N, C-alpha and C. Protein backbone atom coordinates (compact mmCIF):
# COMPACT_ATOMS: atom_id res chain seq x y z
N MET A 1 96.61 -17.79 -84.14
CA MET A 1 96.62 -18.30 -85.27
C MET A 1 96.94 -20.06 -85.24
N ILE A 2 96.95 -20.98 -85.44
CA ILE A 2 97.79 -22.18 -85.85
C ILE A 2 97.46 -21.96 -87.13
N ILE A 3 98.39 -22.75 -87.64
CA ILE A 3 99.19 -22.67 -88.58
C ILE A 3 99.88 -24.22 -89.15
N PHE A 4 98.74 -24.78 -90.10
CA PHE A 4 99.30 -26.29 -90.19
C PHE A 4 100.12 -26.58 -91.49
N ASP A 5 101.18 -27.17 -91.19
CA ASP A 5 102.01 -27.23 -92.87
C ASP A 5 101.26 -28.52 -93.03
N SER A 6 100.76 -28.76 -93.80
CA SER A 6 100.60 -30.33 -94.76
C SER A 6 101.38 -31.26 -95.34
N LEU A 7 102.52 -30.82 -95.31
CA LEU A 7 103.87 -31.29 -96.48
C LEU A 7 104.37 -32.22 -95.04
N ALA A 8 104.64 -31.15 -94.00
CA ALA A 8 105.31 -31.96 -93.05
C ALA A 8 104.43 -32.60 -92.05
N GLU A 9 102.95 -32.48 -92.24
CA GLU A 9 102.09 -32.49 -90.92
C GLU A 9 102.36 -32.04 -89.21
N ILE A 10 102.65 -30.95 -89.66
CA ILE A 10 102.76 -30.35 -88.22
C ILE A 10 102.20 -29.40 -87.80
N PHE A 11 101.64 -29.05 -86.96
CA PHE A 11 100.99 -27.78 -86.58
C PHE A 11 101.80 -26.76 -85.21
N THR A 12 101.77 -25.49 -85.72
CA THR A 12 102.21 -24.87 -84.83
C THR A 12 101.21 -23.56 -84.55
N TYR A 13 102.03 -23.34 -83.49
CA TYR A 13 100.54 -22.95 -82.21
C TYR A 13 101.15 -21.14 -82.03
N PRO A 14 100.55 -20.28 -81.64
CA PRO A 14 101.38 -19.10 -81.27
C PRO A 14 101.90 -19.13 -80.39
N ASP A 15 101.75 -19.73 -79.58
CA ASP A 15 102.69 -19.95 -78.45
C ASP A 15 104.52 -20.19 -78.88
N GLY A 16 104.51 -21.34 -80.14
CA GLY A 16 105.46 -21.63 -80.56
C GLY A 16 105.63 -23.00 -80.24
N GLU A 17 104.78 -23.51 -79.63
CA GLU A 17 104.63 -25.01 -79.43
C GLU A 17 104.26 -25.74 -81.06
N ILE A 18 104.92 -26.82 -80.96
CA ILE A 18 104.43 -27.53 -82.24
C ILE A 18 104.19 -29.31 -82.04
N GLU A 19 103.20 -29.42 -82.84
CA GLU A 19 102.83 -30.88 -82.53
C GLU A 19 102.87 -31.44 -83.95
N THR A 20 102.65 -32.53 -84.00
CA THR A 20 102.74 -33.37 -85.30
C THR A 20 101.03 -33.48 -85.30
N LEU A 21 101.17 -33.95 -86.74
CA LEU A 21 99.36 -34.39 -86.95
C LEU A 21 99.38 -35.74 -86.07
N GLU A 22 100.07 -36.74 -85.88
CA GLU A 22 100.23 -37.97 -85.06
C GLU A 22 99.57 -37.47 -83.66
N GLN A 23 100.71 -36.40 -83.08
CA GLN A 23 100.58 -36.18 -81.64
C GLN A 23 98.79 -35.59 -81.52
N TYR A 24 98.80 -34.70 -82.34
CA TYR A 24 97.66 -34.18 -82.51
C TYR A 24 96.10 -34.84 -82.43
N ILE A 25 96.46 -36.04 -83.13
CA ILE A 25 95.23 -37.07 -83.26
C ILE A 25 95.31 -37.87 -82.12
N LYS A 26 96.43 -37.99 -81.87
CA LYS A 26 96.12 -39.21 -80.12
C LYS A 26 95.66 -38.20 -79.15
N ARG A 27 95.98 -36.87 -79.27
CA ARG A 27 95.04 -35.57 -77.61
C ARG A 27 94.06 -35.59 -78.21
N ARG A 28 93.65 -35.32 -79.56
CA ARG A 28 92.07 -35.19 -79.66
C ARG A 28 91.23 -36.61 -79.34
N ASP A 29 91.63 -37.73 -79.72
CA ASP A 29 91.06 -39.46 -79.48
C ASP A 29 91.34 -39.16 -77.86
N LYS A 30 92.14 -38.88 -76.77
CA LYS A 30 92.20 -39.11 -75.60
C LYS A 30 91.00 -38.41 -74.86
N PHE A 31 91.01 -36.65 -75.55
CA PHE A 31 90.01 -35.74 -74.86
C PHE A 31 88.28 -36.43 -75.67
N ASP A 32 88.29 -37.09 -76.60
CA ASP A 32 86.67 -37.29 -76.90
C ASP A 32 86.94 -38.81 -76.11
N TYR A 33 87.24 -39.20 -75.85
CA TYR A 33 87.12 -40.81 -75.05
C TYR A 33 87.12 -40.40 -73.52
N ILE A 34 87.76 -39.11 -72.96
CA ILE A 34 87.47 -38.66 -71.90
C ILE A 34 86.09 -38.21 -71.81
N GLN A 35 85.73 -37.32 -73.01
CA GLN A 35 84.26 -36.97 -72.96
C GLN A 35 83.40 -38.00 -73.48
N LYS A 36 83.21 -39.36 -73.65
CA LYS A 36 82.35 -40.28 -73.62
C LYS A 36 82.49 -40.80 -72.48
N LEU A 37 83.35 -40.75 -71.82
CA LEU A 37 83.29 -41.26 -70.14
C LEU A 37 82.66 -40.58 -69.24
N GLN A 38 82.95 -38.93 -69.40
CA GLN A 38 81.92 -38.32 -68.62
C GLN A 38 80.57 -37.78 -68.73
N ASP A 39 80.22 -38.42 -70.32
CA ASP A 39 78.73 -38.22 -71.26
C ASP A 39 78.07 -39.44 -70.26
N SER A 40 78.78 -41.08 -69.90
CA SER A 40 78.96 -41.77 -69.31
C SER A 40 78.12 -41.60 -67.97
N LEU A 41 78.97 -40.93 -67.32
CA LEU A 41 78.85 -40.62 -66.06
C LEU A 41 77.82 -40.00 -65.75
N ASP A 42 77.43 -38.77 -66.58
CA ASP A 42 76.56 -37.89 -66.35
C ASP A 42 75.17 -38.51 -66.59
N SER A 43 75.01 -39.94 -67.81
CA SER A 43 74.16 -40.36 -67.99
C SER A 43 73.88 -41.41 -66.20
N MET A 44 74.23 -42.03 -66.03
CA MET A 44 74.70 -42.83 -64.29
C MET A 44 74.04 -42.13 -63.49
N LYS A 45 74.59 -40.45 -63.35
CA LYS A 45 74.40 -39.75 -62.34
C LYS A 45 72.54 -39.85 -62.27
N VAL A 46 71.85 -39.21 -63.88
CA VAL A 46 70.51 -38.72 -63.81
C VAL A 46 69.97 -40.35 -63.81
N LEU A 47 70.12 -41.32 -64.29
CA LEU A 47 69.56 -42.71 -63.84
C LEU A 47 69.47 -43.14 -61.88
N TYR A 48 70.46 -42.41 -61.64
CA TYR A 48 70.34 -42.87 -60.13
C TYR A 48 69.51 -42.20 -59.62
N GLN A 49 69.47 -40.87 -59.78
CA GLN A 49 68.90 -39.75 -59.06
C GLN A 49 67.39 -39.57 -59.23
N ASN A 50 66.91 -40.15 -60.81
CA ASN A 50 65.80 -40.18 -61.20
C ASN A 50 65.94 -41.65 -61.92
N PRO A 51 65.21 -42.49 -61.30
CA PRO A 51 65.22 -43.95 -62.08
C PRO A 51 64.22 -44.09 -62.30
N GLY A 52 63.05 -43.56 -61.98
CA GLY A 52 61.70 -43.18 -62.85
C GLY A 52 61.98 -42.60 -64.08
N CYS A 53 62.39 -41.70 -64.04
CA CYS A 53 62.19 -40.83 -65.33
C CYS A 53 62.31 -41.73 -66.68
N LEU A 54 62.53 -42.57 -66.89
CA LEU A 54 62.65 -43.41 -67.87
C LEU A 54 61.69 -44.51 -68.37
N ASN A 55 61.52 -44.77 -69.49
CA ASN A 55 60.69 -46.19 -69.50
C ASN A 55 61.68 -47.10 -69.07
N GLU A 56 61.45 -48.30 -69.05
CA GLU A 56 62.35 -49.24 -69.02
C GLU A 56 63.15 -49.64 -70.34
N SER A 57 62.74 -49.28 -71.56
CA SER A 57 63.82 -49.90 -72.60
C SER A 57 64.62 -48.37 -72.82
N GLU A 58 63.93 -47.31 -72.39
CA GLU A 58 65.44 -46.52 -72.45
C GLU A 58 66.05 -46.45 -71.26
N TYR A 59 66.12 -47.13 -70.22
CA TYR A 59 66.76 -47.19 -68.78
C TYR A 59 68.09 -48.36 -69.49
N ASN A 60 67.24 -49.64 -70.26
CA ASN A 60 68.05 -50.67 -70.23
C ASN A 60 69.25 -49.88 -71.55
N LYS A 61 68.75 -49.09 -72.14
CA LYS A 61 69.62 -48.36 -73.41
C LYS A 61 70.74 -47.55 -72.93
N ALA A 62 70.40 -46.62 -71.77
CA ALA A 62 71.16 -45.99 -71.22
C ALA A 62 72.23 -46.82 -70.38
N LYS A 63 71.28 -47.55 -69.67
CA LYS A 63 72.62 -48.81 -69.17
C LYS A 63 73.07 -50.04 -69.95
N SER A 64 73.21 -50.14 -70.90
CA SER A 64 73.91 -50.50 -71.57
C SER A 64 74.85 -49.75 -72.43
N LYS A 65 74.74 -48.64 -72.46
CA LYS A 65 75.20 -47.43 -73.28
C LYS A 65 77.02 -47.26 -72.00
N ILE A 66 76.26 -46.70 -70.92
CA ILE A 66 76.75 -46.69 -69.55
C ILE A 66 77.81 -48.11 -69.58
N GLN A 67 77.65 -49.06 -69.55
CA GLN A 67 78.36 -50.47 -69.70
C GLN A 67 79.05 -50.96 -70.61
N ASP A 68 79.00 -50.45 -71.89
CA ASP A 68 80.02 -50.06 -73.17
C ASP A 68 81.14 -49.44 -72.90
N GLU A 69 80.63 -48.48 -72.47
CA GLU A 69 81.98 -47.32 -72.17
C GLU A 69 82.90 -47.82 -71.33
N PHE A 70 82.52 -47.95 -69.99
CA PHE A 70 83.64 -48.66 -68.96
C PHE A 70 83.81 -50.30 -69.34
N GLU A 71 83.03 -51.23 -70.31
CA GLU A 71 84.17 -52.16 -70.63
C GLU A 71 85.06 -51.91 -71.46
N TRP A 72 85.04 -50.89 -72.33
CA TRP A 72 85.88 -50.57 -73.39
C TRP A 72 87.20 -49.89 -72.42
N TRP A 73 86.70 -48.77 -71.50
CA TRP A 73 87.76 -48.33 -70.73
C TRP A 73 88.67 -49.29 -70.09
N GLU A 74 87.99 -50.29 -69.15
CA GLU A 74 88.92 -51.12 -68.93
C GLU A 74 89.64 -51.64 -69.50
N ALA A 75 89.20 -52.31 -70.59
CA ALA A 75 89.76 -53.36 -71.95
C ALA A 75 91.20 -52.29 -72.71
N ASN A 76 91.34 -50.91 -72.37
CA ASN A 76 91.87 -50.24 -73.57
C ASN A 76 92.73 -49.23 -72.83
N ILE A 77 92.84 -49.12 -71.29
CA ILE A 77 93.02 -47.99 -70.45
C ILE A 77 94.82 -47.92 -70.58
N PHE A 78 95.33 -49.16 -70.07
CA PHE A 78 97.22 -49.06 -70.67
C PHE A 78 97.02 -48.65 -71.81
N ASN A 79 96.71 -49.26 -72.73
CA ASN A 79 97.15 -48.98 -74.32
C ASN A 79 96.83 -46.98 -74.45
N GLU A 80 95.33 -46.99 -74.24
CA GLU A 80 95.22 -45.57 -74.21
C GLU A 80 96.26 -44.62 -73.85
N PHE A 81 96.28 -44.80 -73.08
CA PHE A 81 97.31 -43.46 -72.07
C PHE A 81 98.80 -43.96 -72.32
N GLY A 82 99.14 -44.76 -73.22
CA GLY A 82 100.32 -45.30 -73.51
C GLY A 82 101.23 -45.97 -72.44
N ASP A 83 100.77 -46.33 -71.41
CA ASP A 83 101.15 -46.91 -70.10
C ASP A 83 101.70 -48.48 -70.14
N ILE A 84 101.45 -49.14 -72.00
CA ILE A 84 102.53 -50.72 -71.90
C ILE A 84 104.09 -50.44 -72.40
């Protein structure tokens, strides 16, 4: 069972690990970010394997979403993972 101390904003895990709310939010955001990239890659895979499976507007929408995810990734990769 995970215990959250709201006064100290600390999570205590069953194995004794302690994580602050800020660390948890950063870890969750990284996971969400990686999941969005994976979803974009999956969409890209479908588009390349079955280019005729979408009509033109659906194709353009999917293509735009993929491009947006990768542009955001390129702009934020160093900040996102604390490499600056």
